């Protein structure tokens, strides 16, 4: 019998979106609970084991940390989103961890003054920026391990979903200092984005949840 899942997160994409997409692609039923930021402290924070979201209730048991939850729902889907081959699974995990490392580079800028924030972000994505170096390395890695527009093997995995969501955020125009065309020089990553974006289940999900 399939477990009863409830995913709790802010009313935004963020760290929950790869999980939502994995459920959509894998046919995993879940309750998508989205809440306003002002409800975090009063209604949801006390339920979070480590004071963070997303959290997931699995048959009433609460767990946290987005990447393990992403891996869990992919295993429930049992359709290749998380590979059964040990090495392919290792590559998927490697890329998910790299995405976390890339994302961690931007967090200090959120606490900086406006002018320093933009300068810091421009430095990150400049020719010699730390983020640029990591994205270049990721481009090279997925070129070697993937095919058919995906990062590992020739079909969609949760690594591709993570790449898709991060690329969408970084190039959305909502982050001051990050150009919207910052991935134009990374054809393999752009191919992954396009492959996920045109996946029928992803297209259906995005259409249903675009405000």
C-alpha atoms as a PDB file:
ATOM      1  CA  UNK A   1       0.000   0.000   0.000  1.00  0.00           C
ATOM      2  CA  UNK A   2       1.384   3.400  -0.991  1.00  0.00           C
ATOM      3  CA  UNK A   3       2.220   5.750   1.894  1.00  0.00           C
ATOM      4  CA  UNK A   4       0.214   8.910   2.491  1.00  0.00           C
ATOM      5  CA  UNK A   5       2.441  11.909   1.768  1.00  0.00           C
ATOM      6  CA  UNK A   6       2.047  15.555   2.703  1.00  0.00           C
ATOM      7  CA  UNK A   7       4.697  18.020   1.506  1.00  0.00           C
ATOM      8  CA  UNK A   8       4.925  21.312   3.422  1.00  0.00           C
ATOM      9  CA  UNK A   9       6.652  24.381   1.997  1.00  0.00           C
ATOM     10  CA  UNK A  10       6.245  28.067   1.300  1.00  0.00           C
ATOM     11  CA  UNK A  11       3.991  29.101  -1.568  1.00  0.00           C
ATOM     12  CA  UNK A  12       6.878  29.172  -4.016  1.00  0.00           C
ATOM     13  CA  UNK A  13       9.082  26.770  -5.979  1.00  0.00           C
ATOM     14  CA  UNK A  14      12.315  26.757  -3.999  1.00  0.00           C
ATOM     15  CA  UNK A  15      13.593  23.553  -2.439  1.00  0.00           C
ATOM     16  CA  UNK A  16      10.252  21.798  -2.726  1.00  0.00           C
ATOM     17  CA  UNK A  17       9.852  22.092  -6.484  1.00  0.00           C
ATOM     18  CA  UNK A  18      12.126  19.182  -7.499  1.00  0.00           C
ATOM     19  CA  UNK A  19      10.161  16.976  -5.097  1.00  0.00           C
ATOM     20  CA  UNK A  20       6.855  18.115  -6.566  1.00  0.00           C
ATOM     21  CA  UNK A  21       8.104  17.476 -10.093  1.00  0.00           C
ATOM     22  CA  UNK A  22       9.408  14.022  -9.158  1.00  0.00           C
ATOM     23  CA  UNK A  23       5.985  13.161  -7.771  1.00  0.00           C
ATOM     24  CA  UNK A  24       4.318  14.478 -10.912  1.00  0.00           C
ATOM     25  CA  UNK A  25       6.596  12.496 -13.234  1.00  0.00           C
ATOM     26  CA  UNK A  26       6.529   9.372 -11.094  1.00  0.00           C
ATOM     27  CA  UNK A  27       2.803   9.337 -10.422  1.00  0.00           C
ATOM     28  CA  UNK A  28       3.374   9.581  -6.664  1.00  0.00           C
ATOM     29  CA  UNK A  29       0.286  10.940  -4.939  1.00  0.00           C
ATOM     30  CA  UNK A  30       0.897  13.659  -2.347  1.00  0.00           C
ATOM     31  CA  UNK A  31      -0.771  16.618  -0.674  1.00  0.00           C
ATOM     32  CA  UNK A  32       0.947  19.830  -1.729  1.00  0.00           C
ATOM     33  CA  UNK A  33       0.663  22.104   1.302  1.00  0.00           C
ATOM     34  CA  UNK A  34       1.808  25.660   0.589  1.00  0.00           C
ATOM     35  CA  UNK A  35       1.784  28.390   3.196  1.00  0.00           C
ATOM     36  CA  UNK A  36       2.506  32.106   3.422  1.00  0.00           C
ATOM     37  CA  UNK A  37       5.743  33.265   5.045  1.00  0.00           C
ATOM     38  CA  UNK A  38       3.829  34.901   7.864  1.00  0.00           C
ATOM     39  CA  UNK A  39       2.425  31.477   8.824  1.00  0.00           C
ATOM     40  CA  UNK A  40       5.865  29.877   9.172  1.00  0.00           C
ATOM     41  CA  UNK A  41       6.577  30.919  12.762  1.00  0.00           C
ATOM     42  CA  UNK A  42       3.023  30.587  14.028  1.00  0.00           C
ATOM     43  CA  UNK A  43       1.830  27.386  12.353  1.00  0.00           C
ATOM     44  CA  UNK A  44       4.644  25.330  10.832  1.00  0.00           C
ATOM     45  CA  UNK A  45       8.039  25.946  12.437  1.00  0.00           C
ATOM     46  CA  UNK A  46       7.259  23.979  15.593  1.00  0.00           C
ATOM     47  CA  UNK A  47       6.504  20.902  13.468  1.00  0.00           C
ATOM     48  CA  UNK A  48       9.829  21.033  11.589  1.00  0.00           C
ATOM     49  CA  UNK A  49      12.360  18.609  13.140  1.00  0.00           C
ATOM     50  CA  UNK A  50      15.317  20.879  12.372  1.00  0.00           C
ATOM     51  CA  UNK A  51      13.516  24.193  12.046  1.00  0.00           C
ATOM     52  CA  UNK A  52      13.646  24.124   8.250  1.00  0.00           C
ATOM     53  CA  UNK A  53      11.423  23.400   5.288  1.00  0.00           C
ATOM     54  CA  UNK A  54      10.483  21.527   3.261  1.00  0.00           C
ATOM     55  CA  UNK A  55       9.121  18.887   5.562  1.00  0.00           C
ATOM     56  CA  UNK A  56       7.213  15.791   4.572  1.00  0.00           C
ATOM     57  CA  UNK A  57       4.661  13.843   6.553  1.00  0.00           C
ATOM     58  CA  UNK A  58       4.817  10.162   5.640  1.00  0.00           C
ATOM     59  CA  UNK A  59       1.917   8.292   7.185  1.00  0.00           C
ATOM     60  CA  UNK A  60       1.984  10.927   9.911  1.00  0.00           C
ATOM     61  CA  UNK A  61       5.731  10.763  10.544  1.00  0.00           C
ATOM     62  CA  UNK A  62       7.508  14.069   9.895  1.00  0.00           C
ATOM     63  CA  UNK A  63      10.884  14.174   8.126  1.00  0.00           C
ATOM     64  CA  UNK A  64      12.930  17.040   6.707  1.00  0.00           C
ATOM     65  CA  UNK A  65      15.782  17.823   4.290  1.00  0.00           C
ATOM     66  CA  UNK A  66      14.864  18.271   0.653  1.00  0.00           C
ATOM     67  CA  UNK A  67      17.400  16.018  -1.056  1.00  0.00           C
ATOM     68  CA  UNK A  68      16.613  12.867   0.950  1.00  0.00           C
ATOM     69  CA  UNK A  69      12.903  13.504   0.380  1.00  0.00           C
ATOM     70  CA  UNK A  70      13.562  13.917  -3.345  1.00  0.00           C
ATOM     71  CA  UNK A  71      15.417  10.618  -3.409  1.00  0.00           C
ATOM     72  CA  UNK A  72      12.654   8.934  -1.405  1.00  0.00           C
ATOM     73  CA  UNK A  73       9.817   9.893  -3.752  1.00  0.00           C
ATOM     74  CA  UNK A  74      11.962   8.901  -6.737  1.00  0.00           C
ATOM     75  CA  UNK A  75      12.375   5.444  -5.203  1.00  0.00           C
ATOM     76  CA  UNK A  76       8.628   5.255  -4.644  1.00  0.00           C
ATOM     77  CA  UNK A  77       8.102   6.097  -8.309  1.00  0.00           C
ATOM     78  CA  UNK A  78      10.409   3.218  -9.286  1.00  0.00           C
ATOM     79  CA  UNK A  79      10.605   4.423 -12.870  1.00  0.00           C
ATOM     80  CA  UNK A  80      14.270   5.382 -13.198  1.00  0.00           C
ATOM     81  CA  UNK A  81      14.087   8.819 -11.585  1.00  0.00           C
ATOM     82  CA  UNK A  82      16.602   7.395  -9.117  1.00  0.00           C
ATOM     83  CA  UNK A  83      18.710   4.795 -10.950  1.00  0.00           C
ATOM     84  CA  UNK A  84      18.929   1.213  -9.752  1.00  0.00           C
ATOM     85  CA  UNK A  85      22.481   0.968 -11.119  1.00  0.00           C
ATOM     86  CA  UNK A  86      24.813   1.812  -8.231  1.00  0.00           C
ATOM     87  CA  UNK A  87      27.211   3.966 -10.246  1.00  0.00           C
ATOM     88  CA  UNK A  88      24.457   5.893 -11.995  1.00  0.00           C
ATOM     89  CA  UNK A  89      22.850   6.509  -8.595  1.00  0.00           C
ATOM     90  CA  UNK A  90      26.218   7.776  -7.346  1.00  0.00           C
ATOM     91  CA  UNK A  91      26.403  10.241 -10.241  1.00  0.00           C
ATOM     92  CA  UNK A  92      22.890  11.480  -9.509  1.00  0.00           C
ATOM     93  CA  UNK A  93      23.824  12.018  -5.862  1.00  0.00           C
ATOM     94  CA  UNK A  94      27.056  13.730  -6.897  1.00  0.00           C
ATOM     95  CA  UNK A  95      25.212  16.251  -9.049  1.00  0.00           C
ATOM     96  CA  UNK A  96      22.592  16.923  -6.385  1.00  0.00           C
ATOM     97  CA  UNK A  97      25.367  17.689  -3.894  1.00  0.00           C
ATOM     98  CA  UNK A  98      27.121  19.928  -6.419  1.00  0.00           C
ATOM     99  CA  UNK A  99      23.876  21.876  -6.842  1.00  0.00           C
ATOM    100  CA  UNK A 100      23.762  22.373  -3.072  1.00  0.00           C
ATOM    101  CA  UNK A 101      27.356  23.645  -3.149  1.00  0.00           C
ATOM    102  CA  UNK A 102      26.553  26.048  -5.986  1.00  0.00           C
ATOM    103  CA  UNK A 103      23.464  27.337  -4.222  1.00  0.00           C
ATOM    104  CA  UNK A 104      25.339  27.863  -0.959  1.00  0.00           C
ATOM    105  CA  UNK A 105      27.534  30.445  -2.683  1.00  0.00           C
ATOM    106  CA  UNK A 106      24.678  32.888  -3.091  1.00  0.00           C
ATOM    107  CA  UNK A 107      23.323  32.835   0.486  1.00  0.00           C
ATOM    108  CA  UNK A 108      25.741  35.386   2.005  1.00  0.00           C
ATOM    109  CA  UNK A 109      24.578  37.973  -0.526  1.00  0.00           C
ATOM    110  CA  UNK A 110      21.046  37.905   0.880  1.00  0.00           C
ATOM    111  CA  UNK A 111      22.336  39.488   4.083  1.00  0.00           C
ATOM    112  CA  UNK A 112      24.410  42.214   2.408  1.00  0.00           C
ATOM    113  CA  UNK A 113      23.428  45.798   1.696  1.00  0.00           C
ATOM    114  CA  UNK A 114      21.903  46.376  -1.730  1.00  0.00           C
ATOM    115  CA  UNK A 115      25.001  47.681  -3.524  1.00  0.00           C
ATOM    116  CA  UNK A 116      27.275  45.078  -1.949  1.00  0.00           C
ATOM    117  CA  UNK A 117      24.752  42.336  -2.734  1.00  0.00           C
ATOM    118  CA  UNK A 118      24.763  43.089  -6.453  1.00  0.00           C
ATOM    119  CA  UNK A 119      28.538  43.413  -6.540  1.00  0.00           C
ATOM    120  CA  UNK A 120      28.963  40.081  -4.751  1.00  0.00           C
ATOM    121  CA  UNK A 121      26.616  38.298  -7.129  1.00  0.00           C
ATOM    122  CA  UNK A 122      28.234  39.774 -10.212  1.00  0.00           C
ATOM    123  CA  UNK A 123      31.567  38.544  -8.888  1.00  0.00           C
ATOM    124  CA  UNK A 124      30.171  35.042  -8.400  1.00  0.00           C
ATOM    125  CA  UNK A 125      29.038  34.755 -12.017  1.00  0.00           C
ATOM    126  CA  UNK A 126      31.917  36.731 -13.533  1.00  0.00           C
ATOM    127  CA  UNK A 127      34.547  35.062 -15.732  1.00  0.00           C
ATOM    128  CA  UNK A 128      36.634  34.011 -12.725  1.00  0.00           C
ATOM    129  CA  UNK A 129      33.795  33.737 -10.211  1.00  0.00           C
ATOM    130  CA  UNK A 130      33.432  30.797  -7.871  1.00  0.00           C
ATOM    131  CA  UNK A 131      29.976  29.997  -9.201  1.00  0.00           C
ATOM    132  CA  UNK A 132      31.151  30.217 -12.785  1.00  0.00           C
ATOM    133  CA  UNK A 133      33.921  27.723 -12.052  1.00  0.00           C
ATOM    134  CA  UNK A 134      31.483  25.245 -10.531  1.00  0.00           C
ATOM    135  CA  UNK A 135      28.912  25.614 -13.312  1.00  0.00           C
ATOM    136  CA  UNK A 136      31.654  25.079 -15.901  1.00  0.00           C
ATOM    137  CA  UNK A 137      32.722  21.936 -14.060  1.00  0.00           C
ATOM    138  CA  UNK A 138      29.121  20.713 -13.955  1.00  0.00           C
ATOM    139  CA  UNK A 139      28.740  21.360 -17.678  1.00  0.00           C
ATOM    140  CA  UNK A 140      31.837  19.251 -18.356  1.00  0.00           C
ATOM    141  CA  UNK A 141      30.696  16.456 -16.051  1.00  0.00           C
ATOM    142  CA  UNK A 142      27.180  16.074 -17.469  1.00  0.00           C
ATOM    143  CA  UNK A 143      28.657  16.129 -20.965  1.00  0.00           C
ATOM    144  CA  UNK A 144      30.530  12.948 -20.088  1.00  0.00           C
ATOM    145  CA  UNK A 145      27.852  11.119 -18.087  1.00  0.00           C
ATOM    146  CA  UNK A 146      24.624  11.962 -19.888  1.00  0.00           C
ATOM    147  CA  UNK A 147      22.898  11.640 -23.251  1.00  0.00           C
ATOM    148  CA  UNK A 148      19.606  12.547 -24.932  1.00  0.00           C
ATOM    149  CA  UNK A 149      19.531  15.848 -23.068  1.00  0.00           C
ATOM    150  CA  UNK A 150      19.894  14.351 -19.592  1.00  0.00           C
ATOM    151  CA  UNK A 151      22.715  14.328 -17.044  1.00  0.00           C
ATOM    152  CA  UNK A 152      22.980  10.637 -16.195  1.00  0.00           C
ATOM    153  CA  UNK A 153      22.271   8.013 -18.811  1.00  0.00           C
ATOM    154  CA  UNK A 154      19.628   8.788 -21.393  1.00  0.00           C
ATOM    155  CA  UNK A 155      16.488   9.453 -19.348  1.00  0.00           C
ATOM    156  CA  UNK A 156      15.280  11.937 -16.780  1.00  0.00           C
ATOM    157  CA  UNK A 157      16.511  11.582 -13.194  1.00  0.00           C
ATOM    158  CA  UNK A 158      16.112  13.680 -10.083  1.00  0.00           C
ATOM    159  CA  UNK A 159      19.496  15.245 -10.866  1.00  0.00           C
ATOM    160  CA  UNK A 160      17.940  16.772 -13.970  1.00  0.00           C
ATOM    161  CA  UNK A 161      15.033  18.082 -11.911  1.00  0.00           C
ATOM    162  CA  UNK A 162      17.461  19.749  -9.515  1.00  0.00           C
ATOM    163  CA  UNK A 163      19.406  21.295 -12.387  1.00  0.00           C
ATOM    164  CA  UNK A 164      16.182  22.483 -14.007  1.00  0.00           C
ATOM    165  CA  UNK A 165      14.857  24.205 -10.905  1.00  0.00           C
ATOM    166  CA  UNK A 166      18.178  25.849 -10.028  1.00  0.00           C
ATOM    167  CA  UNK A 167      18.709  27.117 -13.577  1.00  0.00           C
ATOM    168  CA  UNK A 168      15.191  28.479 -13.662  1.00  0.00           C
ATOM    169  CA  UNK A 169      15.737  30.403 -10.447  1.00  0.00           C
ATOM    170  CA  UNK A 170      19.185  31.766 -11.247  1.00  0.00           C
ATOM    171  CA  UNK A 171      18.169  32.976 -14.722  1.00  0.00           C
ATOM    172  CA  UNK A 172      14.678  34.177 -13.766  1.00  0.00           C
ATOM    173  CA  UNK A 173      15.612  37.839 -13.462  1.00  0.00           C
ATOM    174  CA  UNK A 174      14.500  37.920  -9.829  1.00  0.00           C
ATOM    175  CA  UNK A 175      18.065  37.781  -8.483  1.00  0.00           C
ATOM    176  CA  UNK A 176      19.779  41.151  -8.809  1.00  0.00           C
ATOM    177  CA  UNK A 177      23.214  40.717 -10.344  1.00  0.00           C
ATOM    178  CA  UNK A 178      22.464  37.432 -12.108  1.00  0.00           C
ATOM    179  CA  UNK A 179      21.975  37.880 -15.885  1.00  0.00           C
ATOM    180  CA  UNK A 180      19.017  36.071 -17.410  1.00  0.00           C
ATOM    181  CA  UNK A 181      21.280  34.610 -20.104  1.00  0.00           C
ATOM    182  CA  UNK A 182      23.902  33.288 -17.687  1.00  0.00           C
ATOM    183  CA  UNK A 183      23.497  29.716 -18.991  1.00  0.00           C
ATOM    184  CA  UNK A 184      23.726  30.618 -22.680  1.00  0.00           C
ATOM    185  CA  UNK A 185      27.342  29.409 -22.859  1.00  0.00           C
ATOM    186  CA  UNK A 186      26.518  26.020 -21.322  1.00  0.00           C
ATOM    187  CA  UNK A 187      24.813  23.996 -24.087  1.00  0.00           C
ATOM    188  CA  UNK A 188      24.644  20.703 -22.175  1.00  0.00           C
ATOM    189  CA  UNK A 189      23.001  22.285 -19.142  1.00  0.00           C
ATOM    190  CA  UNK A 190      20.653  24.227 -21.392  1.00  0.00           C
ATOM    191  CA  UNK A 191      19.737  20.960 -23.132  1.00  0.00           C
ATOM    192  CA  UNK A 192      18.885  19.438 -19.739  1.00  0.00           C
ATOM    193  CA  UNK A 193      16.711  22.434 -18.888  1.00  0.00           C
ATOM    194  CA  UNK A 194      14.902  22.177 -22.230  1.00  0.00           C
ATOM    195  CA  UNK A 195      14.402  18.405 -21.917  1.00  0.00           C
ATOM    196  CA  UNK A 196      12.847  18.725 -18.461  1.00  0.00           C
ATOM    197  CA  UNK A 197      10.827  21.806 -19.399  1.00  0.00           C
ATOM    198  CA  UNK A 198       9.224  19.983 -22.326  1.00  0.00           C
ATOM    199  CA  UNK A 199       8.590  16.735 -20.445  1.00  0.00           C
ATOM    200  CA  UNK A 200       4.815  16.193 -20.688  1.00  0.00           C
ATOM    201  CA  UNK A 201       4.335  15.742 -16.941  1.00  0.00           C
ATOM    202  CA  UNK A 202       6.451  18.788 -16.138  1.00  0.00           C
ATOM    203  CA  UNK A 203       4.627  20.899 -18.705  1.00  0.00           C
ATOM    204  CA  UNK A 204       1.325  19.793 -17.212  1.00  0.00           C
ATOM    205  CA  UNK A 205       2.495  20.599 -13.678  1.00  0.00           C
ATOM    206  CA  UNK A 206       3.878  24.014 -14.600  1.00  0.00           C
ATOM    207  CA  UNK A 207       0.733  24.958 -16.485  1.00  0.00           C
ATOM    208  CA  UNK A 208      -1.445  23.970 -13.540  1.00  0.00           C
ATOM    209  CA  UNK A 209       0.649  25.904 -11.000  1.00  0.00           C
ATOM    210  CA  UNK A 210       1.594  29.076 -12.856  1.00  0.00           C
ATOM    211  CA  UNK A 211      -0.078  32.088 -11.298  1.00  0.00           C
END
